């Protein structure tokens, strides 16, 4: 499954209305030069959907000068991704292009357990 980057039917977004889903912009400057502690941030949460972002998606700088992804974390179950972006009018997000999803292990495990219960 691939995300249509401009469809926010099931997402909440603040900031620039032209950013594709999963991308964040920052114009505060380089981490080592800017005293401003407020850099852009993103949270992608797929809890209780049965989906996780595919591990084949790579994350980082999409464009910009002196731009870098910051504090990138994926939850142990893969249902939540958080990251920040810093740079001089840079963009961070999926550097491989579109975000793709796969069925989560939790969903598969629950379905398998149900199937075993049904067989007995």
PDB file of N, CA and C in Angstrom:
ATOM      1  N   UNK A   1       0.850  -1.167   0.000  1.00  0.00           N
ATOM      2  CA  UNK A   1       0.000   0.000   0.000  1.00  0.00           C
ATOM      3  C   UNK A   1       0.895   1.229   0.000  1.00  0.00           C
ATOM      4  N   UNK A   2       0.541   2.210  -0.789  1.00  0.00           N
ATOM      5  CA  UNK A   2       1.319   3.440  -0.888  1.00  0.00           C
ATOM      6  C   UNK A   2       0.455   4.632  -0.502  1.00  0.00           C
ATOM      7  N   UNK A   3       1.040   5.568   0.222  1.00  0.00           N
ATOM      8  CA  UNK A   3       0.330   6.768   0.656  1.00  0.00           C
ATOM      9  C   UNK A   3       0.244   7.760  -0.492  1.00  0.00           C
ATOM     10  N   UNK A   4      -0.954   8.297  -0.702  1.00  0.00           N
ATOM     11  CA  UNK A   4      -1.110   9.422  -1.621  1.00  0.00           C
ATOM     12  C   UNK A   4      -0.747  10.657  -0.809  1.00  0.00           C
ATOM     13  N   UNK A   5       0.393  11.254  -1.104  1.00  0.00           N
ATOM     14  CA  UNK A   5       0.991  12.299  -0.281  1.00  0.00           C
ATOM     15  C   UNK A   5       0.156  13.526  -0.019  1.00  0.00           C
ATOM     16  N   UNK A   6      -0.876  13.777  -0.811  1.00  0.00           N
ATOM     17  CA  UNK A   6      -1.684  14.972  -0.617  1.00  0.00           C
ATOM     18  C   UNK A   6      -3.054  14.669  -0.012  1.00  0.00           C
ATOM     19  N   UNK A   7      -3.321  13.404   0.351  1.00  0.00           N
ATOM     20  CA  UNK A   7      -4.605  13.019   0.926  1.00  0.00           C
ATOM     21  C   UNK A   7      -4.488  12.990   2.447  1.00  0.00           C
ATOM     22  N   UNK A   8      -5.139  13.932   3.102  1.00  0.00           N
ATOM     23  CA  UNK A   8      -5.091  14.013   4.556  1.00  0.00           C
ATOM     24  C   UNK A   8      -6.404  13.568   5.191  1.00  0.00           C
ATOM     25  N   UNK A   9      -7.143  12.679   4.551  1.00  0.00           N
ATOM     26  CA  UNK A   9      -8.421  12.205   5.081  1.00  0.00           C
ATOM     27  C   UNK A   9      -8.286  11.600   6.468  1.00  0.00           C
ATOM     28  N   UNK A  10      -7.192  10.907   6.717  1.00  0.00           N
ATOM     29  CA  UNK A  10      -7.016  10.220   7.990  1.00  0.00           C
ATOM     30  C   UNK A  10      -5.782  10.730   8.726  1.00  0.00           C
ATOM     31  N   UNK A  11      -5.457  11.987   8.540  1.00  0.00           N
ATOM     32  CA  UNK A  11      -4.268  12.561   9.167  1.00  0.00           C
ATOM     33  C   UNK A  11      -4.569  13.966   9.672  1.00  0.00           C
ATOM     34  N   UNK A  12      -3.809  14.379  10.652  1.00  0.00           N
ATOM     35  CA  UNK A  12      -3.876  15.738  11.165  1.00  0.00           C
ATOM     36  C   UNK A  12      -2.569  16.412  10.796  1.00  0.00           C
ATOM     37  N   UNK A  13      -2.643  17.607  10.272  1.00  0.00           N
ATOM     38  CA  UNK A  13      -1.452  18.297   9.806  1.00  0.00           C
ATOM     39  C   UNK A  13      -1.495  19.743  10.258  1.00  0.00           C
ATOM     40  N   UNK A  14      -0.356  20.248  10.692  1.00  0.00           N
ATOM     41  CA  UNK A  14      -0.227  21.664  11.001  1.00  0.00           C
ATOM     42  C   UNK A  14       0.910  22.201  10.152  1.00  0.00           C
ATOM     43  N   UNK A  15       0.915  23.476   9.904  1.00  0.00           N
ATOM     44  CA  UNK A  15       1.990  24.075   9.121  1.00  0.00           C
ATOM     45  C   UNK A  15       1.641  24.167   7.646  1.00  0.00           C
ATOM     46  N   UNK A  16       2.662  24.066   6.822  1.00  0.00           N
ATOM     47  CA  UNK A  16       2.527  24.267   5.383  1.00  0.00           C
ATOM     48  C   UNK A  16       1.514  23.323   4.748  1.00  0.00           C
ATOM     49  N   UNK A  17       0.516  23.855   4.068  1.00  0.00           N
ATOM     50  CA  UNK A  17      -0.486  22.993   3.441  1.00  0.00           C
ATOM     51  C   UNK A  17       0.019  22.295   2.173  1.00  0.00           C
ATOM     52  N   UNK A  18       1.216  22.623   1.720  1.00  0.00           N
ATOM     53  CA  UNK A  18       1.710  22.031   0.475  1.00  0.00           C
ATOM     54  C   UNK A  18       2.680  20.876   0.700  1.00  0.00           C
ATOM     55  N   UNK A  19       2.978  20.526   1.939  1.00  0.00           N
ATOM     56  CA  UNK A  19       3.907  19.432   2.212  1.00  0.00           C
ATOM     57  C   UNK A  19       3.228  18.088   2.008  1.00  0.00           C
ATOM     58  N   UNK A  20       3.873  17.184   1.300  1.00  0.00           N
ATOM     59  CA  UNK A  20       3.325  15.829   1.206  1.00  0.00           C
ATOM     60  C   UNK A  20       3.353  15.141   2.570  1.00  0.00           C
ATOM     61  N   UNK A  21       2.487  14.174   2.773  1.00  0.00           N
ATOM     62  CA  UNK A  21       2.397  13.415   4.013  1.00  0.00           C
ATOM     63  C   UNK A  21       3.767  12.837   4.371  1.00  0.00           C
ATOM     64  N   UNK A  22       4.201  13.034   5.604  1.00  0.00           N
ATOM     65  CA  UNK A  22       5.467  12.487   6.083  1.00  0.00           C
ATOM     66  C   UNK A  22       6.660  13.393   5.900  1.00  0.00           C
ATOM     67  N   UNK A  23       6.485  14.534   5.246  1.00  0.00           N
ATOM     68  CA  UNK A  23       7.588  15.480   5.072  1.00  0.00           C
ATOM     69  C   UNK A  23       7.393  16.664   6.007  1.00  0.00           C
ATOM     70  N   UNK A  24       8.516  17.177   6.537  1.00  0.00           N
ATOM     71  CA  UNK A  24       8.468  18.387   7.354  1.00  0.00           C
ATOM     72  C   UNK A  24       9.522  19.362   6.864  1.00  0.00           C
ATOM     73  N   UNK A  25       9.225  20.636   7.024  1.00  0.00           N
ATOM     74  CA  UNK A  25      10.111  21.717   6.581  1.00  0.00           C
ATOM     75  C   UNK A  25      10.675  22.438   7.799  1.00  0.00           C
ATOM     76  N   UNK A  26      11.865  22.982   7.647  1.00  0.00           N
ATOM     77  CA  UNK A  26      12.449  23.773   8.715  1.00  0.00           C
ATOM     78  C   UNK A  26      13.292  24.886   8.120  1.00  0.00           C
ATOM     79  N   UNK A  27      13.186  26.077   8.682  1.00  0.00           N
ATOM     80  CA  UNK A  27      13.995  27.224   8.242  1.00  0.00           C
ATOM     81  C   UNK A  27      14.658  27.915   9.426  1.00  0.00           C
ATOM     82  N   UNK A  28      14.935  27.189  10.499  1.00  0.00           N
ATOM     83  CA  UNK A  28      15.547  27.795  11.691  1.00  0.00           C
ATOM     84  C   UNK A  28      17.057  27.853  11.635  1.00  0.00           C
ATOM     85  N   UNK A  29      17.675  27.117  10.752  1.00  0.00           N
ATOM     86  CA  UNK A  29      19.133  27.146  10.663  1.00  0.00           C
ATOM     87  C   UNK A  29      19.775  25.877  11.173  1.00  0.00           C
ATOM     88  N   UNK A  30      21.077  25.818  11.010  1.00  0.00           N
ATOM     89  CA  UNK A  30      21.836  24.642  11.421  1.00  0.00           C
ATOM     90  C   UNK A  30      21.801  24.478  12.933  1.00  0.00           C
ATOM     91  N   UNK A  31      21.837  23.250  13.374  1.00  0.00           N
ATOM     92  CA  UNK A  31      21.778  22.932  14.798  1.00  0.00           C
ATOM     93  C   UNK A  31      22.896  23.617  15.571  1.00  0.00           C
ATOM     94  N   UNK A  32      24.104  23.617  15.041  1.00  0.00           N
ATOM     95  CA  UNK A  32      25.226  24.169  15.790  1.00  0.00           C
ATOM     96  C   UNK A  32      25.300  25.686  15.744  1.00  0.00           C
ATOM     97  N   UNK A  33      24.569  26.351  14.857  1.00  0.00           N
ATOM     98  CA  UNK A  33      24.604  27.815  14.770  1.00  0.00           C
ATOM     99  C   UNK A  33      23.369  28.490  15.348  1.00  0.00           C
ATOM    100  N   UNK A  34      22.269  27.787  15.381  1.00  0.00           N
ATOM    101  CA  UNK A  34      21.018  28.408  15.803  1.00  0.00           C
ATOM    102  C   UNK A  34      20.772  28.216  17.295  1.00  0.00           C
ATOM    103  N   UNK A  35      20.527  29.301  18.027  1.00  0.00           N
ATOM    104  CA  UNK A  35      20.186  29.161  19.441  1.00  0.00           C
ATOM    105  C   UNK A  35      18.724  28.743  19.634  1.00  0.00           C
ATOM    106  N   UNK A  36      17.956  28.737  18.561  1.00  0.00           N
ATOM    107  CA  UNK A  36      16.530  28.404  18.636  1.00  0.00           C
ATOM    108  C   UNK A  36      16.349  26.902  18.870  1.00  0.00           C
ATOM    109  N   UNK A  37      15.710  26.508  19.973  1.00  0.00           N
ATOM    110  CA  UNK A  37      15.515  25.081  20.236  1.00  0.00           C
ATOM    111  C   UNK A  37      14.293  24.490  19.523  1.00  0.00           C
ATOM    112  N   UNK A  38      13.585  25.294  18.771  1.00  0.00           N
ATOM    113  CA  UNK A  38      12.338  24.843  18.166  1.00  0.00           C
ATOM    114  C   UNK A  38      12.541  24.501  16.699  1.00  0.00           C
ATOM    115  N   UNK A  39      12.703  23.236  16.427  1.00  0.00           N
ATOM    116  CA  UNK A  39      12.827  22.761  15.063  1.00  0.00           C
ATOM    117  C   UNK A  39      11.537  22.031  14.712  1.00  0.00           C
ATOM    118  N   UNK A  40      11.298  21.833  13.432  1.00  0.00           N
ATOM    119  CA  UNK A  40      10.071  21.153  13.025  1.00  0.00           C
ATOM    120  C   UNK A  40      10.086  19.713  13.519  1.00  0.00           C
ATOM    121  N   UNK A  41       8.902  19.134  13.667  1.00  0.00           N
ATOM    122  CA  UNK A  41       8.824  17.749  14.135  1.00  0.00           C
ATOM    123  C   UNK A  41       7.635  17.047  13.494  1.00  0.00           C
ATOM    124  N   UNK A  42       7.732  15.721  13.443  1.00  0.00           N
ATOM    125  CA  UNK A  42       6.667  14.916  12.851  1.00  0.00           C
ATOM    126  C   UNK A  42       6.434  13.675  13.696  1.00  0.00           C
ATOM    127  N   UNK A  43       5.182  13.227  13.707  1.00  0.00           N
ATOM    128  CA  UNK A  43       4.809  11.961  14.335  1.00  0.00           C
ATOM    129  C   UNK A  43       3.922  11.229  13.332  1.00  0.00           C
ATOM    130  N   UNK A  44       4.316  10.027  12.982  1.00  0.00           N
ATOM    131  CA  UNK A  44       3.489   9.166  12.133  1.00  0.00           C
ATOM    132  C   UNK A  44       3.064   8.006  13.022  1.00  0.00           C
ATOM    133  N   UNK A  45       1.774   7.924  13.305  1.00  0.00           N
ATOM    134  CA  UNK A  45       1.247   6.937  14.241  1.00  0.00           C
ATOM    135  C   UNK A  45       0.219   6.068  13.521  1.00  0.00           C
ATOM    136  N   UNK A  46       0.495   4.772  13.441  1.00  0.00           N
ATOM    137  CA  UNK A  46      -0.429   3.849  12.781  1.00  0.00           C
ATOM    138  C   UNK A  46      -1.031   2.849  13.768  1.00  0.00           C
ATOM    139  N   UNK A  47      -0.969   3.165  15.063  1.00  0.00           N
ATOM    140  CA  UNK A  47      -1.519   2.255  16.073  1.00  0.00           C
ATOM    141  C   UNK A  47      -2.974   1.930  15.773  1.00  0.00           C
ATOM    142  N   UNK A  48      -3.331   0.680  16.007  1.00  0.00           N
ATOM    143  CA  UNK A  48      -4.694   0.168  15.853  1.00  0.00           C
ATOM    144  C   UNK A  48      -5.214   0.222  14.418  1.00  0.00           C
ATOM    145  N   UNK A  49      -4.315   0.334  13.445  1.00  0.00           N
ATOM    146  CA  UNK A  49      -4.738   0.295  12.044  1.00  0.00           C
ATOM    147  C   UNK A  49      -4.414  -1.043  11.395  1.00  0.00           C
ATOM    148  N   UNK A  50      -3.525  -1.840  12.016  1.00  0.00           N
ATOM    149  CA  UNK A  50      -3.083  -3.089  11.407  1.00  0.00           C
ATOM    150  C   UNK A  50      -1.967  -2.889  10.398  1.00  0.00           C
ATOM    151  N   UNK A  51      -1.463  -1.644  10.303  1.00  0.00           N
ATOM    152  CA  UNK A  51      -0.407  -1.333   9.344  1.00  0.00           C
ATOM    153  C   UNK A  51       0.786  -0.695  10.040  1.00  0.00           C
ATOM    154  N   UNK A  52       1.960  -0.865   9.440  1.00  0.00           N
ATOM    155  CA  UNK A  52       3.162  -0.151   9.852  1.00  0.00           C
ATOM    156  C   UNK A  52       3.849   0.352   8.592  1.00  0.00           C
ATOM    157  N   UNK A  53       4.643   1.399   8.747  1.00  0.00           N
ATOM    158  CA  UNK A  53       5.434   1.891   7.625  1.00  0.00           C
ATOM    159  C   UNK A  53       6.450   0.805   7.282  1.00  0.00           C
ATOM    160  N   UNK A  54       6.576   0.514   6.013  1.00  0.00           N
ATOM    161  CA  UNK A  54       7.500  -0.522   5.556  1.00  0.00           C
ATOM    162  C   UNK A  54       8.924  -0.207   5.993  1.00  0.00           C
ATOM    163  N   UNK A  55       9.657  -1.215   6.485  1.00  0.00           N
ATOM    164  CA  UNK A  55      11.049  -0.987   6.879  1.00  0.00           C
ATOM    165  C   UNK A  55      11.953  -0.631   5.690  1.00  0.00           C
ATOM    166  N   UNK A  56      11.477  -0.804   4.475  1.00  0.00           N
ATOM    167  CA  UNK A  56      12.284  -0.452   3.301  1.00  0.00           C
ATOM    168  C   UNK A  56      12.313   1.056   3.044  1.00  0.00           C
ATOM    169  N   UNK A  57      11.426   1.817   3.709  1.00  0.00           N
ATOM    170  CA  UNK A  57      11.421   3.275   3.568  1.00  0.00           C
ATOM    171  C   UNK A  57      12.622   3.825   4.340  1.00  0.00           C
ATOM    172  N   UNK A  58      13.435   4.640   3.679  1.00  0.00           N
ATOM    173  CA  UNK A  58      14.551   5.284   4.371  1.00  0.00           C
ATOM    174  C   UNK A  58      14.199   6.750   4.608  1.00  0.00           C
ATOM    175  N   UNK A  59      14.728   7.287   5.683  1.00  0.00           N
ATOM    176  CA  UNK A  59      14.376   8.628   6.133  1.00  0.00           C
ATOM    177  C   UNK A  59      15.621   9.486   6.217  1.00  0.00           C
ATOM    178  N   UNK A  60      15.470  10.767   5.914  1.00  0.00           N
ATOM    179  CA  UNK A  60      16.586  11.691   6.012  1.00  0.00           C
ATOM    180  C   UNK A  60      16.274  13.004   5.340  1.00  0.00           C
ATOM    181  N   UNK A  61      17.324  13.680   4.926  1.00  0.00           N
ATOM    182  CA  UNK A  61      17.194  14.957   4.222  1.00  0.00           C
ATOM    183  C   UNK A  61      16.600  14.695   2.841  1.00  0.00           C
ATOM    184  N   UNK A  62      15.555  15.441   2.510  1.00  0.00           N
ATOM    185  CA  UNK A  62      14.968  15.371   1.172  1.00  0.00           C
ATOM    186  C   UNK A  62      15.575  16.466   0.307  1.00  0.00           C
ATOM    187  N   UNK A  63      15.717  17.667   0.879  1.00  0.00           N
ATOM    188  CA  UNK A  63      16.362  18.775   0.173  1.00  0.00           C
ATOM    189  C   UNK A  63      16.733  19.856   1.173  1.00  0.00           C
ATOM    190  N   UNK A  64      17.535  20.808   0.718  1.00  0.00           N
ATOM    191  CA  UNK A  64      17.889  21.943   1.559  1.00  0.00           C
ATOM    192  C   UNK A  64      19.374  22.018   1.830  1.00  0.00           C
ATOM    193  N   UNK A  65      19.782  23.193   2.285  1.00  0.00           N
ATOM    194  CA  UNK A  65      21.175  23.426   2.608  1.00  0.00           C
ATOM    195  C   UNK A  65      21.372  23.280   4.108  1.00  0.00           C
ATOM    196  N   UNK A  66      22.421  22.587   4.519  1.00  0.00           N
ATOM    197  CA  UNK A  66      22.734  22.361   5.929  1.00  0.00           C
ATOM    198  C   UNK A  66      21.519  21.796   6.660  1.00  0.00           C
ATOM    199  N   UNK A  67      20.884  20.825   6.050  1.00  0.00           N
ATOM    200  CA  UNK A  67      19.669  20.219   6.580  1.00  0.00           C
ATOM    201  C   UNK A  67      19.959  18.797   7.042  1.00  0.00           C
ATOM    202  N   UNK A  68      19.336  18.392   8.144  1.00  0.00           N
ATOM    203  CA  UNK A  68      19.521  17.036   8.657  1.00  0.00           C
ATOM    204  C   UNK A  68      18.292  16.595   9.437  1.00  0.00           C
ATOM    205  N   UNK A  69      18.031  15.303   9.391  1.00  0.00           N
ATOM    206  CA  UNK A  69      16.976  14.727  10.218  1.00  0.00           C
ATOM    207  C   UNK A  69      17.528  14.619  11.635  1.00  0.00           C
ATOM    208  N   UNK A  70      16.663  14.765  12.619  1.00  0.00           N
ATOM    209  CA  UNK A  70      17.108  14.829  14.012  1.00  0.00           C
ATOM    210  C   UNK A  70      16.206  13.972  14.891  1.00  0.00           C
ATOM    211  N   UNK A  71      16.800  13.271  15.853  1.00  0.00           N
ATOM    212  CA  UNK A  71      16.051  12.473  16.839  1.00  0.00           C
ATOM    213  C   UNK A  71      15.084  11.487  16.191  1.00  0.00           C
ATOM    214  N   UNK A  72      15.541  10.774  15.186  1.00  0.00           N
ATOM    215  CA  UNK A  72      14.689   9.804  14.494  1.00  0.00           C
ATOM    216  C   UNK A  72      14.509   8.564  15.365  1.00  0.00           C
ATOM    217  N   UNK A  73      13.241   8.178  15.586  1.00  0.00           N
ATOM    218  CA  UNK A  73      12.939   6.997  16.406  1.00  0.00           C
ATOM    219  C   UNK A  73      11.759   6.236  15.807  1.00  0.00           C
ATOM    220  N   UNK A  74      11.854   4.924  15.878  1.00  0.00           N
ATOM    221  CA  UNK A  74      10.738   4.046  15.508  1.00  0.00           C
ATOM    222  C   UNK A  74      10.415   3.218  16.743  1.00  0.00           C
ATOM    223  N   UNK A  75       9.137   3.145  17.108  1.00  0.00           N
ATOM    224  CA  UNK A  75       8.744   2.357  18.273  1.00  0.00           C
ATOM    225  C   UNK A  75       9.082   0.883  18.042  1.00  0.00           C
ATOM    226  N   UNK A  76       9.190   0.116  19.117  1.00  0.00           N
ATOM    227  CA  UNK A  76       9.579  -1.293  19.005  1.00  0.00           C
ATOM    228  C   UNK A  76       8.599  -2.104  18.161  1.00  0.00           C
ATOM    229  N   UNK A  77       7.324  -1.726  18.168  1.00  0.00           N
ATOM    230  CA  UNK A  77       6.352  -2.452  17.349  1.00  0.00           C
ATOM    231  C   UNK A  77       6.179  -1.843  15.956  1.00  0.00           C
ATOM    232  N   UNK A  78       6.896  -0.762  15.675  1.00  0.00           N
ATOM    233  CA  UNK A  78       6.860  -0.142  14.349  1.00  0.00           C
ATOM    234  C   UNK A  78       5.654   0.727  14.063  1.00  0.00           C
ATOM    235  N   UNK A  79       4.820   0.971  15.075  1.00  0.00           N
ATOM    236  CA  UNK A  79       3.587   1.729  14.827  1.00  0.00           C
ATOM    237  C   UNK A  79       3.738   3.236  14.979  1.00  0.00           C
ATOM    238  N   UNK A  80       4.881   3.691  15.488  1.00  0.00           N
ATOM    239  CA  UNK A  80       5.060   5.135  15.625  1.00  0.00           C
ATOM    240  C   UNK A  80       6.474   5.539  15.214  1.00  0.00           C
ATOM    241  N   UNK A  81       6.538   6.536  14.348  1.00  0.00           N
ATOM    242  CA  UNK A  81       7.802   7.105  13.899  1.00  0.00           C
ATOM    243  C   UNK A  81       7.791   8.570  14.295  1.00  0.00           C
ATOM    244  N   UNK A  82       8.853   9.022  14.934  1.00  0.00           N
ATOM    245  CA  UNK A  82       8.985  10.433  15.285  1.00  0.00           C
ATOM    246  C   UNK A  82      10.338  10.934  14.797  1.00  0.00           C
ATOM    247  N   UNK A  83      10.365  12.178  14.368  1.00  0.00           N
ATOM    248  CA  UNK A  83      11.631  12.780  13.952  1.00  0.00           C
ATOM    249  C   UNK A  83      11.486  14.286  13.853  1.00  0.00           C
ATOM    250  N   UNK A  84      12.617  14.937  13.854  1.00  0.00           N
ATOM    251  CA  UNK A  84      12.669  16.374  13.672  1.00  0.00           C
ATOM    252  C   UNK A  84      13.495  16.694  12.444  1.00  0.00           C
ATOM    253  N   UNK A  85      13.493  17.955  12.071  1.00  0.00           N
ATOM    254  CA  UNK A  85      14.262  18.411  10.922  1.00  0.00           C
ATOM    255  C   UNK A  85      14.893  19.743  11.295  1.00  0.00           C
ATOM    256  N   UNK A  86      16.134  19.919  10.912  1.00  0.00           N
ATOM    257  CA  UNK A  86      16.782  21.204  11.120  1.00  0.00           C
ATOM    258  C   UNK A  86      17.513  21.572   9.850  1.00  0.00           C
ATOM    259  N   UNK A  87      17.542  22.847   9.578  1.00  0.00           N
ATOM    260  CA  UNK A  87      18.245  23.286   8.369  1.00  0.00           C
ATOM    261  C   UNK A  87      17.803  24.657   7.932  1.00  0.00           C
ATOM    262  N   UNK A  88      18.461  25.139   6.919  1.00  0.00           N
ATOM    263  CA  UNK A  88      18.100  26.428   6.350  1.00  0.00           C
ATOM    264  C   UNK A  88      17.151  26.176   5.199  1.00  0.00           C
ATOM    265  N   UNK A  89      15.866  26.232   5.547  1.00  0.00           N
ATOM    266  CA  UNK A  89      14.771  25.979   4.603  1.00  0.00           C
ATOM    267  C   UNK A  89      14.951  24.640   3.909  1.00  0.00           C
ATOM    268  N   UNK A  90      15.099  23.627   4.745  1.00  0.00           N
ATOM    269  CA  UNK A  90      15.262  22.265   4.259  1.00  0.00           C
ATOM    270  C   UNK A  90      14.020  21.429   4.495  1.00  0.00           C
ATOM    271  N   UNK A  91      14.037  20.246   3.917  1.00  0.00           N
ATOM    272  CA  UNK A  91      12.926  19.313   4.031  1.00  0.00           C
ATOM    273  C   UNK A  91      13.483  17.959   4.458  1.00  0.00           C
ATOM    274  N   UNK A  92      12.824  17.331   5.437  1.00  0.00           N
ATOM    275  CA  UNK A  92      13.172  15.982   5.881  1.00  0.00           C
ATOM    276  C   UNK A  92      11.941  15.093   5.728  1.00  0.00           C
ATOM    277  N   UNK A  93      12.185  13.826   5.505  1.00  0.00           N
ATOM    278  CA  UNK A  93      11.088  12.876   5.356  1.00  0.00           C
ATOM    279  C   UNK A  93      11.584  11.608   4.700  1.00  0.00           C
ATOM    280  N   UNK A  94      10.694  10.929   3.968  1.00  0.00           N
ATOM    281  CA  UNK A  94      11.105   9.695   3.306  1.00  0.00           C
ATOM    282  C   UNK A  94      12.026  10.009   2.128  1.00  0.00           C
ATOM    283  N   UNK A  95      13.290   9.644   2.251  1.00  0.00           N
ATOM    284  CA  UNK A  95      14.246   9.961   1.185  1.00  0.00           C
ATOM    285  C   UNK A  95      14.160   8.979   0.023  1.00  0.00           C
ATOM    286  N   UNK A  96      13.388   7.902   0.187  1.00  0.00           N
ATOM    287  CA  UNK A  96      13.206   6.932  -0.893  1.00  0.00           C
ATOM    288  C   UNK A  96      11.978   7.249  -1.739  1.00  0.00           C
ATOM    289  N   UNK A  97      11.319   8.356  -1.463  1.00  0.00           N
ATOM    290  CA  UNK A  97      10.120   8.710  -2.231  1.00  0.00           C
ATOM    291  C   UNK A  97       8.869   8.499  -1.416  1.00  0.00           C
ATOM    292  N   UNK A  98       7.925   7.764  -1.938  1.00  0.00           N
ATOM    293  CA  UNK A  98       6.640   7.552  -1.277  1.00  0.00           C
ATOM    294  C   UNK A  98       6.773   6.689  -0.029  1.00  0.00           C
ATOM    295  N   UNK A  99       5.842   6.884   0.891  1.00  0.00           N
ATOM    296  CA  UNK A  99       5.761   6.045   2.081  1.00  0.00           C
ATOM    297  C   UNK A  99       4.905   4.837   1.713  1.00  0.00           C
ATOM    298  N   UNK A 100       5.415   3.652   1.996  1.00  0.00           N
ATOM    299  CA  UNK A 100       4.647   2.429   1.762  1.00  0.00           C
ATOM    300  C   UNK A 100       4.368   1.766   3.103  1.00  0.00           C
ATOM    301  N   UNK A 101       3.284   1.017   3.159  1.00  0.00           N
ATOM    302  CA  UNK A 101       2.870   0.337   4.385  1.00  0.00           C
ATOM    303  C   UNK A 101       2.836  -1.160   4.168  1.00  0.00           C
ATOM    304  N   UNK A 102       2.907  -1.890   5.272  1.00  0.00           N
ATOM    305  CA  UNK A 102       2.719  -3.331   5.240  1.00  0.00           C
ATOM    306  C   UNK A 102       1.883  -3.722   6.449  1.00  0.00           C
ATOM    307  N   UNK A 103       1.321  -4.918   6.435  1.00  0.00           N
ATOM    308  CA  UNK A 103       0.529  -5.397   7.555  1.00  0.00           C
ATOM    309  C   UNK A 103       1.456  -5.580   8.748  1.00  0.00           C
ATOM    310  N   UNK A 104       1.014  -5.114   9.910  1.00  0.00           N
ATOM    311  CA  UNK A 104       1.866  -5.195  11.105  1.00  0.00           C
ATOM    312  C   UNK A 104       1.913  -6.615  11.638  1.00  0.00           C
ATOM    313  N   UNK A 105       3.021  -6.960  12.299  1.00  0.00           N
ATOM    314  CA  UNK A 105       3.170  -8.280  12.910  1.00  0.00           C
ATOM    315  C   UNK A 105       2.115  -8.511  13.973  1.00  0.00           C
ATOM    316  N   UNK A 106       1.759  -7.461  14.704  1.00  0.00           N
ATOM    317  CA  UNK A 106       0.745  -7.578  15.741  1.00  0.00           C
ATOM    318  C   UNK A 106      -0.589  -8.014  15.133  1.00  0.00           C
ATOM    319  N   UNK A 107      -0.925  -7.419  13.994  1.00  0.00           N
ATOM    320  CA  UNK A 107      -2.172  -7.754  13.313  1.00  0.00           C
ATOM    321  C   UNK A 107      -2.135  -9.202  12.829  1.00  0.00           C
ATOM    322  N   UNK A 108      -1.008  -9.618  12.254  1.00  0.00           N
ATOM    323  CA  UNK A 108      -0.861 -10.985  11.766  1.00  0.00           C
ATOM    324  C   UNK A 108      -0.935 -11.959  12.927  1.00  0.00           C
ATOM    325  N   UNK A 109      -0.277 -11.651  14.055  1.00  0.00           N
ATOM    326  CA  UNK A 109      -0.293 -12.527  15.226  1.00  0.00           C
ATOM    327  C   UNK A 109      -1.700 -12.676  15.775  1.00  0.00           C
ATOM    328  N   UNK A 110      -2.433 -11.580  15.856  1.00  0.00           N
ATOM    329  CA  UNK A 110      -3.806 -11.627  16.355  1.00  0.00           C
ATOM    330  C   UNK A 110      -4.681 -12.462  15.429  1.00  0.00           C
ATOM    331  N   UNK A 111      -4.503 -12.308  14.124  1.00  0.00           N
ATOM    332  CA  UNK A 111      -5.282 -13.083  13.160  1.00  0.00           C
ATOM    333  C   UNK A 111      -4.936 -14.564  13.263  1.00  0.00           C
ATOM    334  N   UNK A 112      -3.660 -14.899  13.443  1.00  0.00           N
ATOM    335  CA  UNK A 112      -3.236 -16.287  13.580  1.00  0.00           C
ATOM    336  C   UNK A 112      -3.811 -16.900  14.847  1.00  0.00           C
ATOM    337  N   UNK A 113      -3.814 -16.144  15.943  1.00  0.00           N
ATOM    338  CA  UNK A 113      -4.370 -16.645  17.201  1.00  0.00           C
ATOM    339  C   UNK A 113      -5.858 -16.902  17.058  1.00  0.00           C
ATOM    340  N   UNK A 114      -6.557 -16.027  16.365  1.00  0.00           N
ATOM    341  CA  UNK A 114      -7.975 -16.212  16.130  1.00  0.00           C
ATOM    342  C   UNK A 114      -8.219 -17.462  15.295  1.00  0.00           C
ATOM    343  N   UNK A 115      -7.376 -17.663  14.293  1.00  0.00           N
ATOM    344  CA  UNK A 115      -7.526 -18.824  13.429  1.00  0.00           C
ATOM    345  C   UNK A 115      -7.331 -20.103  14.221  1.00  0.00           C
ATOM    346  N   UNK A 116      -6.375 -20.119  15.141  1.00  0.00           N
ATOM    347  CA  UNK A 116      -6.128 -21.303  15.959  1.00  0.00           C
ATOM    348  C   UNK A 116      -7.336 -21.552  16.853  1.00  0.00           C
ATOM    349  N   UNK A 117      -7.881 -20.520  17.441  1.00  0.00           N
ATOM    350  CA  UNK A 117      -9.063 -20.666  18.295  1.00  0.00           C
ATOM    351  C   UNK A 117     -10.232 -21.216  17.500  1.00  0.00           C
ATOM    352  N   UNK A 118     -10.396 -20.747  16.280  1.00  0.00           N
ATOM    353  CA  UNK A 118     -11.511 -21.209  15.439  1.00  0.00           C
ATOM    354  C   UNK A 118     -11.364 -22.669  15.050  1.00  0.00           C
ATOM    355  N   UNK A 119     -10.131 -23.171  14.969  1.00  0.00           N
ATOM    356  CA  UNK A 119      -9.908 -24.549  14.546  1.00  0.00           C
ATOM    357  C   UNK A 119     -10.186 -25.547  15.674  1.00  0.00           C
ATOM    358  N   UNK A 120     -10.185 -25.112  16.913  1.00  0.00           N
ATOM    359  CA  UNK A 120     -10.351 -26.076  18.018  1.00  0.00           C
ATOM    360  C   UNK A 120     -11.801 -26.377  18.309  1.00  0.00           C
TER     361      UNK A 120
END
